Amino acid sequence: MYDLSEIKNMYVESDGGFSIEKYNTAYPLKEYDYQIYELIKNNEINTDTLKHINHDEHWLFKQLEKRQITTINDVFYADWSFDRGIHIIKYK
C-alpha cells in the first residue's frame, strides 16, 4: 500500500493483527507511478518536502484552515500528491 488515502476501513483482529479494506480503484497503483510527499508526521512539518513541491508553511496552514484544523497537533499525518492534492488524517 503506497497511499493512506486508499484505506476505507481498518479492523483490529482478535489475534492482534489487522485487516485493511481499500477503496476500489480503476487500476493497481505502483509506488513509482504515484509520487506521495509526506508533509506532516508526528507533529512535525517536513519543510524539505514543502520546498520540493514549491509550497511553504503558510500554504500548508491555509490548507489545514480550509478543513477547520487550527493546530498541527490535531494532525496525525498529512501528505501531498500532484494527482490528488493534500490528504490529512486527524487524531480522533
C-alpha atoms as a PDB file:
ATOM      1  CA  MET A   1       0.000   0.000   0.000  1.00  0.00           C
ATOM      2  CA  TYR A   2       1.514   3.291  -1.107  1.00  0.00           C
ATOM      3  CA  ASP A   3      -1.185   5.792  -0.191  1.00  0.00           C
ATOM      4  CA  LEU A   4      -3.047   6.011   3.120  1.00  0.00           C
ATOM      5  CA  SER A   5      -5.970   7.673   1.353  1.00  0.00           C
ATOM      6  CA  GLU A   6      -6.656   4.258  -0.239  1.00  0.00           C
ATOM      7  CA  ILE A   7      -7.800   2.875   3.140  1.00  0.00           C
ATOM      8  CA  LYS A   8     -11.554   2.749   3.539  1.00  0.00           C
ATOM      9  CA  ASN A   9     -11.605   0.833   6.851  1.00  0.00           C
ATOM     10  CA  MET A  10      -9.074  -0.878   9.096  1.00  0.00           C
ATOM     11  CA  TYR A  11     -10.045  -3.611  11.533  1.00  0.00           C
ATOM     12  CA  VAL A  12      -8.100  -4.958  14.514  1.00  0.00           C
ATOM     13  CA  GLU A  13      -8.395  -8.735  14.577  1.00  0.00           C
ATOM     14  CA  SER A  14      -8.699 -10.871  17.725  1.00  0.00           C
ATOM     15  CA  ASP A  15      -5.163 -12.215  17.231  1.00  0.00           C
ATOM     16  CA  GLY A  16      -3.689  -8.681  17.340  1.00  0.00           C
ATOM     17  CA  GLY A  17      -3.275  -8.380  13.568  1.00  0.00           C
ATOM     18  CA  PHE A  18      -5.308  -6.122  11.360  1.00  0.00           C
ATOM     19  CA  SER A  19      -7.233  -6.198   8.118  1.00  0.00           C
ATOM     20  CA  ILE A  20      -7.465  -3.341   5.653  1.00  0.00           C
ATOM     21  CA  GLU A  21     -10.412  -2.631   3.379  1.00  0.00           C
ATOM     22  CA  LYS A  22      -9.366  -0.458   0.443  1.00  0.00           C
ATOM     23  CA  TYR A  23     -11.448   1.726  -1.828  1.00  0.00           C
ATOM     24  CA  ASN A  24     -11.890   0.247  -5.288  1.00  0.00           C
ATOM     25  CA  THR A  25      -9.502   1.721  -7.855  1.00  0.00           C
ATOM     26  CA  ALA A  26      -9.590   1.506 -11.608  1.00  0.00           C
ATOM     27  CA  TYR A  27      -6.085   0.059 -11.774  1.00  0.00           C
ATOM     28  CA  PRO A  28      -3.440  -1.156  -9.338  1.00  0.00           C
ATOM     29  CA  LEU A  29      -1.166   1.646  -8.156  1.00  0.00           C
ATOM     30  CA  LYS A  30       2.581   1.225  -8.134  1.00  0.00           C
ATOM     31  CA  GLU A  31       4.952   3.250  -5.986  1.00  0.00           C
ATOM     32  CA  TYR A  32       6.977   4.639  -8.889  1.00  0.00           C
ATOM     33  CA  ASP A  33       3.787   5.697 -10.747  1.00  0.00           C
ATOM     34  CA  TYR A  34       2.295   7.619  -7.846  1.00  0.00           C
ATOM     35  CA  GLN A  35       4.569  10.055  -6.024  1.00  0.00           C
ATOM     36  CA  ILE A  36       3.445  10.869  -2.481  1.00  0.00           C
ATOM     37  CA  TYR A  37       5.199  13.534  -0.414  1.00  0.00           C
ATOM     38  CA  GLU A  38       4.945  13.373   3.375  1.00  0.00           C
ATOM     39  CA  LEU A  39       4.094  16.804   4.816  1.00  0.00           C
ATOM     40  CA  ILE A  40       3.324  16.166   8.494  1.00  0.00           C
ATOM     41  CA  LYS A  41       4.251  13.213  10.668  1.00  0.00           C
ATOM     42  CA  ASN A  42       4.455  13.042  14.469  1.00  0.00           C
ATOM     43  CA  ASN A  43       3.501  16.715  14.808  1.00  0.00           C
ATOM     44  CA  GLU A  44       6.460  17.808  12.684  1.00  0.00           C
ATOM     45  CA  ILE A  45       6.327  19.602   9.352  1.00  0.00           C
ATOM     46  CA  ASN A  46       8.666  18.311   6.689  1.00  0.00           C
ATOM     47  CA  THR A  47       9.995  21.621   5.323  1.00  0.00           C
ATOM     48  CA  ASP A  48      12.219  19.862   2.773  1.00  0.00           C
ATOM     49  CA  THR A  49       9.132  18.285   1.209  1.00  0.00           C
ATOM     50  CA  LEU A  50       7.334  21.632   1.133  1.00  0.00           C
ATOM     51  CA  LYS A  51      10.259  23.157  -0.753  1.00  0.00           C
ATOM     52  CA  HIS A  52      10.319  20.203  -3.144  1.00  0.00           C
ATOM     53  CA  ILE A  53       6.655  20.712  -4.096  1.00  0.00           C
ATOM     54  CA  ASN A  54       7.119  24.520  -4.302  1.00  0.00           C
ATOM     55  CA  HIS A  55       4.992  25.417  -1.272  1.00  0.00           C
ATOM     56  CA  ASP A  56       5.698  26.850   2.168  1.00  0.00           C
ATOM     57  CA  GLU A  57       4.325  26.585   5.717  1.00  0.00           C
ATOM     58  CA  HIS A  58       1.886  29.444   5.066  1.00  0.00           C
ATOM     59  CA  TRP A  59       0.322  27.388   2.242  1.00  0.00           C
ATOM     60  CA  LEU A  60       0.180  24.309   4.494  1.00  0.00           C
ATOM     61  CA  PHE A  61      -1.579  26.171   7.306  1.00  0.00           C
ATOM     62  CA  LYS A  62      -4.085  27.579   4.784  1.00  0.00           C
ATOM     63  CA  GLN A  63      -4.822  24.003   3.654  1.00  0.00           C
ATOM     64  CA  LEU A  64      -5.378  22.961   7.273  1.00  0.00           C
ATOM     65  CA  GLU A  65      -7.550  26.012   7.919  1.00  0.00           C
ATOM     66  CA  LYS A  66      -9.800  25.080   4.961  1.00  0.00           C
ATOM     67  CA  ARG A  67     -10.511  21.834   6.826  1.00  0.00           C
ATOM     68  CA  GLN A  68     -11.195  23.556  10.179  1.00  0.00           C
ATOM     69  CA  ILE A  69      -7.860  22.417  11.639  1.00  0.00           C
ATOM     70  CA  THR A  70      -6.375  25.160  13.803  1.00  0.00           C
ATOM     71  CA  THR A  71      -3.258  23.448  15.140  1.00  0.00           C
ATOM     72  CA  ILE A  72      -0.748  20.967  13.798  1.00  0.00           C
ATOM     73  CA  ASN A  73      -1.251  18.927  16.993  1.00  0.00           C
ATOM     74  CA  ASP A  74      -4.638  17.829  15.587  1.00  0.00           C
ATOM     75  CA  VAL A  75      -2.952  16.211  12.566  1.00  0.00           C
ATOM     76  CA  PHE A  76      -1.781  12.608  12.811  1.00  0.00           C
ATOM     77  CA  TYR A  77      -0.429  12.522   9.258  1.00  0.00           C
ATOM     78  CA  ALA A  78      -0.617  14.594   6.077  1.00  0.00           C
ATOM     79  CA  ASP A  79       0.770  14.022   2.620  1.00  0.00           C
ATOM     80  CA  TRP A  80       0.592  15.533  -0.864  1.00  0.00           C
ATOM     81  CA  SER A  81       0.281  14.087  -4.338  1.00  0.00           C
ATOM     82  CA  PHE A  82       0.171  16.068  -7.574  1.00  0.00           C
ATOM     83  CA  ASP A  83      -2.601  13.714  -8.723  1.00  0.00           C
ATOM     84  CA  ARG A  84      -4.992  14.212  -5.806  1.00  0.00           C
ATOM     85  CA  GLY A  85      -3.676  17.094  -3.676  1.00  0.00           C
ATOM     86  CA  ILE A  86      -3.404  17.032   0.097  1.00  0.00           C
ATOM     87  CA  HIS A  87      -4.596  14.145   2.265  1.00  0.00           C
ATOM     88  CA  ILE A  88      -4.950  14.673   6.031  1.00  0.00           C
ATOM     89  CA  ILE A  89      -5.574  12.149   8.799  1.00  0.00           C
ATOM     90  CA  LYS A  90      -6.617  13.823  12.043  1.00  0.00           C
ATOM     91  CA  TYR A  91      -6.360  12.483  15.569  1.00  0.00           C
ATOM     92  CA  LYS A  92      -9.777  11.341  16.755  1.00  0.00           C
END
